[in-house]
Structure formats: C-alpha cells, structure tokens
PDB file of N, CA and C in Angstrom:
ATOM      1  N   UNK A   1    -192.534 -69.913 162.030  1.00  0.00           N
ATOM      2  CA  UNK A   1    -193.067 -71.214 161.681  1.00  0.00           C
ATOM      3  C   UNK A   1    -194.196 -71.067 160.665  1.00  0.00           C
ATOM      4  N   UNK A   2    -195.009 -70.036 160.817  1.00  0.00           N
ATOM      5  CA  UNK A   2    -196.107 -69.821 159.877  1.00  0.00           C
ATOM      6  C   UNK A   2    -195.595 -69.576 158.461  1.00  0.00           C
ATOM      7  N   UNK A   3    -194.483 -68.854 158.352  1.00  0.00           N
ATOM      8  CA  UNK A   3    -193.908 -68.586 157.029  1.00  0.00           C
ATOM      9  C   UNK A   3    -193.460 -69.892 156.371  1.00  0.00           C
ATOM     10  N   UNK A   4    -192.872 -70.794 157.165  1.00  0.00           N
ATOM     11  CA  UNK A   4    -192.437 -72.083 156.624  1.00  0.00           C
ATOM     12  C   UNK A   4    -193.637 -72.902 156.145  1.00  0.00           C
ATOM     13  N   UNK A   5    -194.702 -72.906 156.899  1.00  0.00           N
ATOM     14  CA  UNK A   5    -195.906 -73.652 156.525  1.00  0.00           C
ATOM     15  C   UNK A   5    -196.516 -73.075 155.252  1.00  0.00           C
ATOM     16  N   UNK A   6    -196.596 -71.753 155.161  1.00  0.00           N
ATOM     17  CA  UNK A   6    -197.112 -71.123 153.934  1.00  0.00           C
ATOM     18  C   UNK A   6    -196.236 -71.472 152.742  1.00  0.00           C
ATOM     19  N   UNK A   7    -194.901 -71.452 152.957  1.00  0.00           N
ATOM     20  CA  UNK A   7    -193.949 -71.755 151.885  1.00  0.00           C
ATOM     21  C   UNK A   7    -194.120 -73.185 151.388  1.00  0.00           C
ATOM     22  N   UNK A   8    -194.233 -74.141 152.304  1.00  0.00           N
ATOM     23  CA  UNK A   8    -194.337 -75.542 151.903  1.00  0.00           C
ATOM     24  C   UNK A   8    -195.724 -75.904 151.378  1.00  0.00           C
ATOM     25  N   UNK A   9    -196.726 -75.082 151.644  1.00  0.00           N
ATOM     26  CA  UNK A   9    -198.050 -75.333 151.095  1.00  0.00           C
ATOM     27  C   UNK A   9    -198.138 -74.963 149.617  1.00  0.00           C
ATOM     28  N   UNK A  10    -197.169 -74.233 149.129  1.00  0.00           N
ATOM     29  CA  UNK A  10    -197.135 -73.870 147.716  1.00  0.00           C
ATOM     30  C   UNK A  10    -196.376 -74.953 146.957  1.00  0.00           C
ATOM     31  N   UNK A  11    -196.816 -75.232 145.745  1.00  0.00           N
ATOM     32  CA  UNK A  11    -196.165 -76.250 144.924  1.00  0.00           C
ATOM     33  C   UNK A  11    -194.700 -75.909 144.685  1.00  0.00           C
ATOM     34  N   UNK A  12    -194.427 -74.673 144.352  1.00  0.00           N
ATOM     35  CA  UNK A  12    -193.060 -74.248 144.083  1.00  0.00           C
ATOM     36  C   UNK A  12    -192.206 -74.355 145.345  1.00  0.00           C
ATOM     37  N   UNK A  13    -192.765 -74.043 146.482  1.00  0.00           N
ATOM     38  CA  UNK A  13    -192.036 -74.137 147.741  1.00  0.00           C
ATOM     39  C   UNK A  13    -191.652 -75.568 148.073  1.00  0.00           C
ATOM     40  N   UNK A  14    -192.594 -76.476 147.884  1.00  0.00           N
ATOM     41  CA  UNK A  14    -192.302 -77.895 148.144  1.00  0.00           C
ATOM     42  C   UNK A  14    -191.223 -78.391 147.196  1.00  0.00           C
ATOM     43  N   UNK A  15    -191.296 -78.008 145.932  1.00  0.00           N
ATOM     44  CA  UNK A  15    -190.299 -78.447 144.968  1.00  0.00           C
ATOM     45  C   UNK A  15    -188.916 -77.928 145.352  1.00  0.00           C
ATOM     46  N   UNK A  16    -188.841 -76.689 145.785  1.00  0.00           N
ATOM     47  CA  UNK A  16    -187.549 -76.140 146.204  1.00  0.00           C
ATOM     48  C   UNK A  16    -187.005 -76.878 147.413  1.00  0.00           C
ATOM     49  N   UNK A  17    -187.864 -77.230 148.340  1.00  0.00           N
ATOM     50  CA  UNK A  17    -187.439 -77.969 149.521  1.00  0.00           C
ATOM     51  C   UNK A  17    -186.941 -79.362 149.146  1.00  0.00           C
ATOM     52  N   UNK A  18    -187.673 -80.053 148.282  1.00  0.00           N
ATOM     53  CA  UNK A  18    -187.247 -81.379 147.815  1.00  0.00           C
ATOM     54  C   UNK A  18    -185.938 -81.284 147.039  1.00  0.00           C
ATOM     55  N   UNK A  19    -185.819 -80.275 146.184  1.00  0.00           N
ATOM     56  CA  UNK A  19    -184.603 -80.118 145.387  1.00  0.00           C
ATOM     57  C   UNK A  19    -183.409 -79.838 146.290  1.00  0.00           C
ATOM     58  N   UNK A  20    -183.579 -78.979 147.289  1.00  0.00           N
ATOM     59  CA  UNK A  20    -182.489 -78.687 148.222  1.00  0.00           C
ATOM     60  C   UNK A  20    -182.069 -79.942 148.969  1.00  0.00           C
ATOM     61  N   UNK A  21    -183.039 -80.750 149.381  1.00  0.00           N
ATOM     62  CA  UNK A  21    -182.733 -82.010 150.063  1.00  0.00           C
ATOM     63  C   UNK A  21    -181.982 -82.961 149.135  1.00  0.00           C
ATOM     64  N   UNK A  22    -182.451 -83.067 147.898  1.00  0.00           N
ATOM     65  CA  UNK A  22    -181.815 -83.955 146.926  1.00  0.00           C
ATOM     66  C   UNK A  22    -180.366 -83.537 146.673  1.00  0.00           C
ATOM     67  N   UNK A  23    -180.131 -82.253 146.447  1.00  0.00           N
ATOM     68  CA  UNK A  23    -178.783 -81.781 146.156  1.00  0.00           C
ATOM     69  C   UNK A  23    -177.876 -81.855 147.379  1.00  0.00           C
ATOM     70  N   UNK A  24    -178.435 -81.695 148.568  1.00  0.00           N
ATOM     71  CA  UNK A  24    -177.644 -81.845 149.788  1.00  0.00           C
ATOM     72  C   UNK A  24    -177.177 -83.287 149.935  1.00  0.00           C
ATOM     73  N   UNK A  25    -178.062 -84.220 149.631  1.00  0.00           N
ATOM     74  CA  UNK A  25    -177.680 -85.642 149.680  1.00  0.00           C
ATOM     75  C   UNK A  25    -176.566 -85.937 148.678  1.00  0.00           C
ATOM     76  N   UNK A  26    -176.686 -85.357 147.497  1.00  0.00           N
ATOM     77  CA  UNK A  26    -175.661 -85.568 146.471  1.00  0.00           C
ATOM     78  C   UNK A  26    -174.309 -85.021 146.937  1.00  0.00           C
ATOM     79  N   UNK A  27    -174.320 -83.832 147.524  1.00  0.00           N
ATOM     80  CA  UNK A  27    -173.077 -83.226 147.997  1.00  0.00           C
ATOM     81  C   UNK A  27    -172.457 -84.036 149.126  1.00  0.00           C
ATOM     82  N   UNK A  28    -173.267 -84.422 150.103  1.00  0.00           N
ATOM     83  CA  UNK A  28    -172.749 -85.214 151.222  1.00  0.00           C
ATOM     84  C   UNK A  28    -172.199 -86.549 150.745  1.00  0.00           C
ATOM     85  N   UNK A  29    -172.895 -87.171 149.817  1.00  0.00           N
ATOM     86  CA  UNK A  29    -172.421 -88.444 149.279  1.00  0.00           C
ATOM     87  C   UNK A  29    -171.081 -88.269 148.579  1.00  0.00           C
ATOM     88  N   UNK A  30    -170.950 -87.200 147.796  1.00  0.00           N
ATOM     89  CA  UNK A  30    -169.699 -86.909 147.093  1.00  0.00           C
ATOM     90  C   UNK A  30    -168.550 -86.718 148.085  1.00  0.00           C
ATOM     91  N   UNK A  31    -168.833 -86.031 149.184  1.00  0.00           N
ATOM     92  CA  UNK A  31    -167.791 -85.762 150.167  1.00  0.00           C
ATOM     93  C   UNK A  31    -167.428 -86.994 150.990  1.00  0.00           C
ATOM     94  N   UNK A  32    -168.384 -87.899 151.190  1.00  0.00           N
ATOM     95  CA  UNK A  32    -168.146 -89.061 152.045  1.00  0.00           C
ATOM     96  C   UNK A  32    -167.685 -90.313 151.288  1.00  0.00           C
ATOM     97  N   UNK A  33    -167.885 -90.371 149.981  1.00  0.00           N
ATOM     98  CA  UNK A  33    -167.542 -91.582 149.224  1.00  0.00           C
ATOM     99  C   UNK A  33    -166.085 -92.019 149.368  1.00  0.00           C
ATOM    100  N   UNK A  34    -165.124 -91.109 149.359  1.00  0.00           N
ATOM    101  CA  UNK A  34    -163.727 -91.564 149.475  1.00  0.00           C
ATOM    102  C   UNK A  34    -163.389 -92.203 150.826  1.00  0.00           C
ATOM    103  N   UNK A  35    -164.189 -91.976 151.832  1.00  0.00           N
ATOM    104  CA  UNK A  35    -163.905 -92.505 153.166  1.00  0.00           C
ATOM    105  C   UNK A  35    -164.462 -93.931 153.281  1.00  0.00           C
ATOM    106  N   UNK A  36    -163.571 -94.867 153.530  1.00  0.00           N
ATOM    107  CA  UNK A  36    -163.940 -96.289 153.542  1.00  0.00           C
ATOM    108  C   UNK A  36    -164.911 -96.635 154.674  1.00  0.00           C
ATOM    109  N   UNK A  37    -164.830 -95.953 155.787  1.00  0.00           N
ATOM    110  CA  UNK A  37    -165.669 -96.312 156.928  1.00  0.00           C
ATOM    111  C   UNK A  37    -167.065 -95.694 156.868  1.00  0.00           C
ATOM    112  N   UNK A  38    -167.399 -95.003 155.799  1.00  0.00           N
ATOM    113  CA  UNK A  38    -168.692 -94.329 155.677  1.00  0.00           C
ATOM    114  C   UNK A  38    -169.606 -94.983 154.627  1.00  0.00           C
ATOM    115  N   UNK A  39    -169.356 -96.237 154.301  1.00  0.00           N
ATOM    116  CA  UNK A  39    -170.124 -96.914 153.249  1.00  0.00           C
ATOM    117  C   UNK A  39    -171.617 -96.985 153.570  1.00  0.00           C
ATOM    118  N   UNK A  40    -171.954 -97.256 154.814  1.00  0.00           N
ATOM    119  CA  UNK A  40    -173.362 -97.374 155.204  1.00  0.00           C
ATOM    120  C   UNK A  40    -174.081 -96.028 155.069  1.00  0.00           C
ATOM    121  N   UNK A  41    -173.421 -94.970 155.478  1.00  0.00           N
ATOM    122  CA  UNK A  41    -174.010 -93.626 155.373  1.00  0.00           C
ATOM    123  C   UNK A  41    -174.194 -93.253 153.907  1.00  0.00           C
ATOM    124  N   UNK A  42    -173.218 -93.578 153.079  1.00  0.00           N
ATOM    125  CA  UNK A  42    -173.292 -93.278 151.647  1.00  0.00           C
ATOM    126  C   UNK A  42    -174.473 -94.017 151.015  1.00  0.00           C
ATOM    127  N   UNK A  43    -174.685 -95.264 151.389  1.00  0.00           N
ATOM    128  CA  UNK A  43    -175.815 -96.026 150.849  1.00  0.00           C
ATOM    129  C   UNK A  43    -177.148 -95.416 151.271  1.00  0.00           C
ATOM    130  N   UNK A  44    -177.244 -94.978 152.520  1.00  0.00           N
ATOM    131  CA  UNK A  44    -178.474 -94.335 152.989  1.00  0.00           C
ATOM    132  C   UNK A  44    -178.722 -93.031 152.255  1.00  0.00           C
ATOM    133  N   UNK A  45    -177.658 -92.273 152.000  1.00  0.00           N
ATOM    134  CA  UNK A  45    -177.809 -91.023 151.248  1.00  0.00           C
ATOM    135  C   UNK A  45    -178.265 -91.287 149.817  1.00  0.00           C
ATOM    136  N   UNK A  46    -177.734 -92.349 149.205  1.00  0.00           N
ATOM    137  CA  UNK A  46    -178.161 -92.715 147.843  1.00  0.00           C
ATOM    138  C   UNK A  46    -179.642 -93.062 147.818  1.00  0.00           C
ATOM    139  N   UNK A  47    -180.089 -93.810 148.795  1.00  0.00           N
ATOM    140  CA  UNK A  47    -181.504 -94.194 148.858  1.00  0.00           C
ATOM    141  C   UNK A  47    -182.395 -92.978 149.080  1.00  0.00           C
ATOM    142  N   UNK A  48    -181.973 -92.093 149.984  1.00  0.00           N
ATOM    143  CA  UNK A  48    -182.749 -90.885 150.245  1.00  0.00           C
ATOM    144  C   UNK A  48    -182.814 -89.999 149.007  1.00  0.00           C
ATOM    145  N   UNK A  49    -181.677 -89.828 148.346  1.00  0.00           N
ATOM    146  CA  UNK A  49    -181.639 -89.021 147.126  1.00  0.00           C
ATOM    147  C   UNK A  49    -182.565 -89.602 146.060  1.00  0.00           C
ATOM    148  N   UNK A  50    -182.536 -90.904 145.911  1.00  0.00           N
ATOM    149  CA  UNK A  50    -183.393 -91.566 144.925  1.00  0.00           C
ATOM    150  C   UNK A  50    -184.870 -91.385 145.277  1.00  0.00           C
ATOM    151  N   UNK A  51    -185.202 -91.523 146.536  1.00  0.00           N
ATOM    152  CA  UNK A  51    -186.591 -91.361 146.965  1.00  0.00           C
ATOM    153  C   UNK A  51    -187.086 -89.942 146.738  1.00  0.00           C
ATOM    154  N   UNK A  52    -186.257 -88.970 147.069  1.00  0.00           N
ATOM    155  CA  UNK A  52    -186.646 -87.572 146.879  1.00  0.00           C
ATOM    156  C   UNK A  52    -186.802 -87.270 145.393  1.00  0.00           C
ATOM    157  N   UNK A  53    -185.889 -87.784 144.581  1.00  0.00           N
ATOM    158  CA  UNK A  53    -185.967 -87.573 143.138  1.00  0.00           C
ATOM    159  C   UNK A  53    -187.257 -88.164 142.578  1.00  0.00           C
ATOM    160  N   UNK A  54    -187.574 -89.369 142.986  1.00  0.00           N
ATOM    161  CA  UNK A  54    -188.806 -90.012 142.536  1.00  0.00           C
ATOM    162  C   UNK A  54    -190.028 -89.238 143.011  1.00  0.00           C
ATOM    163  N   UNK A  55    -189.982 -88.772 144.236  1.00  0.00           N
ATOM    164  CA  UNK A  55    -191.082 -87.977 144.773  1.00  0.00           C
ATOM    165  C   UNK A  55    -191.293 -86.691 144.003  1.00  0.00           C
ATOM    166  N   UNK A  56    -190.205 -86.039 143.619  1.00  0.00           N
ATOM    167  CA  UNK A  56    -190.318 -84.810 142.826  1.00  0.00           C
ATOM    168  C   UNK A  56    -190.943 -85.119 141.466  1.00  0.00           C
ATOM    169  N   UNK A  57    -190.508 -86.184 140.822  1.00  0.00           N
ATOM    170  CA  UNK A  57    -191.043 -86.541 139.504  1.00  0.00           C
ATOM    171  C   UNK A  57    -192.514 -86.905 139.613  1.00  0.00           C
ATOM    172  N   UNK A  58    -192.868 -87.678 140.626  1.00  0.00           N
ATOM    173  CA  UNK A  58    -194.250 -88.100 140.815  1.00  0.00           C
ATOM    174  C   UNK A  58    -195.146 -86.908 141.093  1.00  0.00           C
ATOM    175  N   UNK A  59    -194.667 -85.985 141.915  1.00  0.00           N
ATOM    176  CA  UNK A  59    -195.438 -84.800 142.267  1.00  0.00           C
ATOM    177  C   UNK A  59    -195.682 -83.939 141.039  1.00  0.00           C
ATOM    178  N   UNK A  60    -194.708 -83.831 140.169  1.00  0.00           N
ATOM    179  CA  UNK A  60    -194.866 -83.024 138.944  1.00  0.00           C
ATOM    180  C   UNK A  60    -195.977 -83.608 138.083  1.00  0.00           C
ATOM    181  N   UNK A  61    -196.022 -84.927 137.956  1.00  0.00           N
ATOM    182  CA  UNK A  61    -197.047 -85.556 137.132  1.00  0.00           C
ATOM    183  C   UNK A  61    -198.458 -85.373 137.717  1.00  0.00           C
ATOM    184  N   UNK A  62    -198.528 -85.274 139.047  1.00  0.00           N
ATOM    185  CA  UNK A  62    -199.831 -85.070 139.667  1.00  0.00           C
ATOM    186  C   UNK A  62    -200.426 -83.710 139.318  1.00  0.00           C
ATOM    187  N   UNK A  63    -199.562 -82.723 139.119  1.00  0.00           N
ATOM    188  CA  UNK A  63    -200.040 -81.371 138.881  1.00  0.00           C
ATOM    189  C   UNK A  63    -200.150 -81.015 137.407  1.00  0.00           C
ATOM    190  N   UNK A  64    -199.768 -81.918 136.520  1.00  0.00           N
ATOM    191  CA  UNK A  64    -199.878 -81.631 135.076  1.00  0.00           C
ATOM    192  C   UNK A  64    -201.274 -81.858 134.587  1.00  0.00           C
TER     193      UNK A  64
END
C-alpha cells in the first residue's frame, strides 16, 4: 500500500493512473457499444472518460 501511495503522490504516477483509467473506459465502451442492453453503462463510461480526460488536462495546466 505504501508503494501505491508513493506512486500516486508523484505527478507522473497520477498521470499514468488517470491515463490507464481513461483508456480502460475507452476499451470497455468499445466492447459494450454493440450490445443494445448496455446503453446506460456505455453512457456512464463516456462521462467517466470525459471527466478523467478533463482532469488530466486541468492537472497539466496547474503544473506548467
């Protein structure tokens, strides 16, 4: 647990975590889109992906 905390306390570590989350959402959305009964999940994944993307962009501007 300490290693995870040290990793996320670093700027690069947080960015990698956000990027992994963003790309995971993209992959899950791609896999679930063809399924008609998963529309609600797909919309939630789109919102999460958008939020993470915005968070990554905002965080970058804070450190410039």
